[in-house]
Amino acid sequence: MIVDTVKIRIDNPHIPPTAYDKFEPSAKDLFEYPYATAHKHASRKLNPTKEDIHKGIYLPRATLHKAVRPNGYVVYLEIEFSAPKIIFNNNFDELTDSDFERLCQTLSEKMTYMGLPIGADEIANARVQTIHYGKNILTGYTLARSVIADISKADITKVKDFEEKAYKNGGESLYFHTLKHGVVIYDKKAELERSKRQKKGLIENDYYCQTSLFENKAPPNPFEVVRIEARYIGKPQIRNLATKLGLDLPDDFRFADLFSSSIAQKALLYELEEIKRGNFAFADSNATSLAEFIQQIRFQNPTITPRAFSNAVLDFVLSQQYNSREIRNFLGYDSARWSSLKSSVKNLKYERRVANGFDILEQGLNDFTPVKITI
């Protein structure tokens, strides 16, 4: 998948009078007397109707803004949408670079259906305020929950780009984030099933269009899907990403500049590598018992010191049940002792599980083969 959720901005949009009352509340007072002048900023929303939702028709969400500026008023329209849902009515199927023209045209048609005649060229050249790059990764017979459990053991104190980590829904989702930047990794199939029972607490919005996705066509077997998304909110975050990846983006970048499988792949691999830097030693060991682990460590590290050996054993035992933050809290170590513990074992050789969660995600992101589930 190249992108999923996108929020674009159209400056000075053409809003026909017939569309004023489609907004909530009506946008009439933004254009006709008596004008809305009580505030320096006013906004009006246009979302899918109950009828559209009942029919399972995916539509974007629009917000019309009128704001005071030093040289007068400005009017702009924000359009937020899931790119694959615009075309496929679901986001299991993935877009490719060649879908961009079709995406802009289809979104234009949906906006016209909602009463707002926004052209495909306007969409392609719109400013981008939010963008989520994402990929669905089929994990074969490896449970999505197991992949996420592996990633959850990463130590967030070593992932400097993030402030918080949330491990939710019984181990089905993982979220590293700040207010403006985040990486979410979750069990896509479990999320779909949960959306049939509840509307709150979901990772993404607007599941209404795909809750019946597999009612008439069974999914592949096996069907384990881990979804990883890198989310960037605001132009500074997008610009920061471009700097990190060495991208040659124009200063006034537009939607057409960011709709790129190459950018998506680089962004997701970069974010996964940042998380991987915080992975805890021995969390991915293939040893099924402490005795097997000790045998591996002694055989593959014949010159190991007694201190490193005891630390390795401690790390292995704790890493089988706890993540890095929990282990540090359990031991009560300050920063110096924690760094010393990790440094003493970081170069030790041991046998890793073939189906390690990081390896599975890396392979999927390196292949970057578009997933086509329903078409």
Foldseek 3Di string as FASTA:
>chain_A
DQWFKWKFKFWPFDADPVLQVQWVNGNCLCPDPPHDDPDQKDKTKHDDDPVCLVVLQDAWIKMWMWGADPVGIIIMMMTIGTQVCLPPVDPLFDDALVCLLVSLCSNQVRCVVSVGRDHSVSQQFTFTFKIKQKDKFFQAPDALLQLQLQLVQFDCVQLVVFDDWDQDDVSFKIWTHDPFKIKIKGWPVVLLVVVVVDQPPGPDHDSSNCNCVCVPPHWDPPGTIIMMMIMGGGPVRVVVLCVVLVHDADPRHGNNRSSHLVSSLSSRVVSLVSSVSRRAPQLFAPDPDLVSFLVQQCVQPVPQDPVLSVLNSVSNVVSPPDHDVVSCVVVVDDPVVSVVSRVSHVPGDGHGDPSHSSVSVVVCSVVVDGDDTRD
